[in-house]
Amino acid sequence: MAGKHCVLELYSADFSLLNDEAFVRASLIEAAHVANATLLDVSTHLFEPQGVTGFVLLAESHISIHTWPELGYAAIDVYTCGISTKPETACSYLYDCFNAKKHKLQTLLRPVPKFTCA
């Protein structure tokens, strides 16, 4: 298996948390930690009038978030490879962080591709 790809959507989440760039950044860093992943870099951006996007580069792949505070919505992507990482744990942590009332989680197992030469 090449990895696990978790796609998490948060609904009815807290506006102020979704719009707080420092909080989003800290949450992504802690999500990497609870996933047992190796943090390489972090980048976040606060939009006007609202919304935050963030990306955590991991040795095992990445975690990203895009927020729409006015809708109480966030789209989160957690992709990790390796047997020691726990992307679902990161998703659970992020769900709790933003006080979402509902969520949708899809987990995709990414197989190792088999390439052939023509």
Protein backbone atom coordinates (compact mmCIF):
# COMPACT_ATOMS: atom_id res chain seq x y z
CA MET A 1 0.00 0.00 0.00
CA ALA A 2 1.29 3.46 -0.91
CA GLY A 3 -0.71 5.17 1.80
CA LYS A 4 -4.00 6.31 3.27
CA HIS A 5 -5.78 9.38 1.97
CA CYS A 6 -8.41 10.84 4.31
CA VAL A 7 -10.80 13.50 3.06
CA LEU A 8 -12.61 15.25 5.91
CA GLU A 9 -15.37 17.82 5.65
CA LEU A 10 -16.47 19.79 8.70
CA TYR A 11 -19.94 21.33 8.97
CA SER A 12 -21.36 23.85 11.45
CA ALA A 13 -17.89 24.55 12.82
CA ASP A 14 -16.93 27.58 14.92
CA PHE A 15 -16.56 30.76 12.79
CA SER A 16 -13.90 32.34 14.98
CA LEU A 17 -11.71 29.21 15.00
CA LEU A 18 -12.05 28.69 11.25
CA ASN A 19 -10.99 32.31 10.71
CA ASP A 20 -8.04 32.36 13.13
CA GLU A 21 -4.84 31.81 11.14
CA ALA A 22 -2.69 31.18 14.23
CA PHE A 23 -5.20 28.64 15.57
CA VAL A 24 -5.42 26.85 12.20
CA ARG A 25 -1.62 26.73 11.99
CA ALA A 26 -1.26 25.34 15.52
CA SER A 27 -4.02 22.79 14.87
CA LEU A 28 -2.31 21.51 11.72
CA ILE A 29 1.00 21.14 13.55
CA GLU A 30 -0.64 19.20 16.38
CA ALA A 31 -2.57 17.06 13.86
CA ALA A 32 0.76 16.04 12.32
CA HIS A 33 2.03 15.18 15.79
CA VAL A 34 -0.98 13.02 16.75
CA ALA A 35 -0.75 11.28 13.36
CA ASN A 36 2.81 10.26 14.27
CA ALA A 37 4.03 12.05 11.14
CA THR A 38 7.27 13.93 10.52
CA LEU A 39 6.69 17.67 10.07
CA LEU A 40 8.87 19.31 7.41
CA ASP A 41 7.21 22.70 6.79
CA VAL A 42 4.02 24.71 7.43
CA SER A 43 2.39 27.46 5.42
CA THR A 44 -0.87 29.32 6.13
CA HIS A 45 -2.68 32.29 4.64
CA LEU A 46 -5.56 34.42 5.95
CA PHE A 47 -7.94 35.70 3.28
CA GLU A 48 -10.02 38.90 3.33
CA PRO A 49 -12.76 39.21 4.36
CA GLN A 50 -12.41 35.74 5.91
CA GLY A 51 -11.06 32.23 5.46
CA VAL A 52 -7.78 30.43 5.99
CA THR A 53 -5.86 27.98 3.90
CA GLY A 54 -3.05 25.93 5.34
CA PHE A 55 -0.64 23.24 4.28
CA VAL A 56 1.67 21.01 6.30
CA LEU A 57 4.40 19.26 4.39
CA LEU A 58 5.21 15.89 5.94
CA ALA A 59 7.98 13.44 5.23
CA GLU A 60 5.08 11.00 4.76
CA SER A 61 3.07 13.42 2.50
CA HIS A 62 0.77 16.27 3.65
CA ILE A 63 -2.15 17.76 5.57
CA SER A 64 -4.14 20.64 4.07
CA ILE A 65 -7.14 22.73 5.09
CA HIS A 66 -9.33 25.33 3.43
CA THR A 67 -11.91 27.12 5.57
CA TRP A 68 -15.09 29.03 4.80
CA PRO A 69 -15.95 30.51 8.22
CA GLU A 70 -19.07 32.23 6.90
CA LEU A 71 -20.43 28.77 6.04
CA GLY A 72 -19.02 27.00 9.12
CA TYR A 73 -17.28 24.69 6.65
CA ALA A 74 -13.76 23.31 6.26
CA ALA A 75 -12.30 20.93 3.69
CA ILE A 76 -9.37 18.91 5.05
CA ASP A 77 -7.05 16.49 3.30
CA VAL A 78 -4.71 14.15 5.19
CA TYR A 79 -2.51 11.86 3.13
CA THR A 80 0.19 9.72 4.70
CA CYS A 81 2.28 6.77 3.68
CA GLY A 82 4.02 4.28 5.89
CA ILE A 83 2.73 1.89 8.51
CA SER A 84 3.39 4.04 11.58
CA THR A 85 1.23 7.05 10.65
CA LYS A 86 -2.38 7.50 11.75
CA PRO A 87 -4.23 9.89 9.42
CA GLU A 88 -7.63 9.03 10.93
CA THR A 89 -6.34 10.16 14.33
CA ALA A 90 -5.35 13.50 12.80
CA CYS A 91 -8.85 13.83 11.33
CA SER A 92 -10.49 13.07 14.66
CA TYR A 93 -8.28 15.67 16.33
CA LEU A 94 -9.15 18.34 13.73
CA TYR A 95 -12.87 17.56 13.98
CA ASP A 96 -12.69 18.21 17.73
CA CYS A 97 -10.53 21.34 17.32
CA PHE A 98 -13.03 23.29 15.28
CA ASN A 99 -16.09 22.32 17.33
CA ALA A 100 -17.87 20.99 14.24
CA LYS A 101 -21.37 19.70 14.79
CA LYS A 102 -21.20 17.34 11.79
CA HIS A 103 -18.53 15.84 9.60
CA LYS A 104 -17.99 13.51 6.68
CA LEU A 105 -14.86 11.37 6.46
CA GLN A 106 -13.78 9.28 3.50
CA THR A 107 -10.68 7.10 3.72
CA LEU A 108 -9.07 5.87 0.55
CA LEU A 109 -6.36 3.23 0.51
CA ARG A 110 -3.80 4.12 -2.12
CA PRO A 111 -2.19 1.00 -3.63
CA VAL A 112 1.38 0.91 -4.88
CA PRO A 113 1.04 1.50 -8.63
CA LYS A 114 2.34 -1.15 -10.99
CA PHE A 115 4.03 0.39 -13.98
CA THR A 116 4.89 -1.42 -17.15
CA CYS A 117 7.08 -0.24 -19.99
CA ALA A 118 5.66 -0.35 -23.49
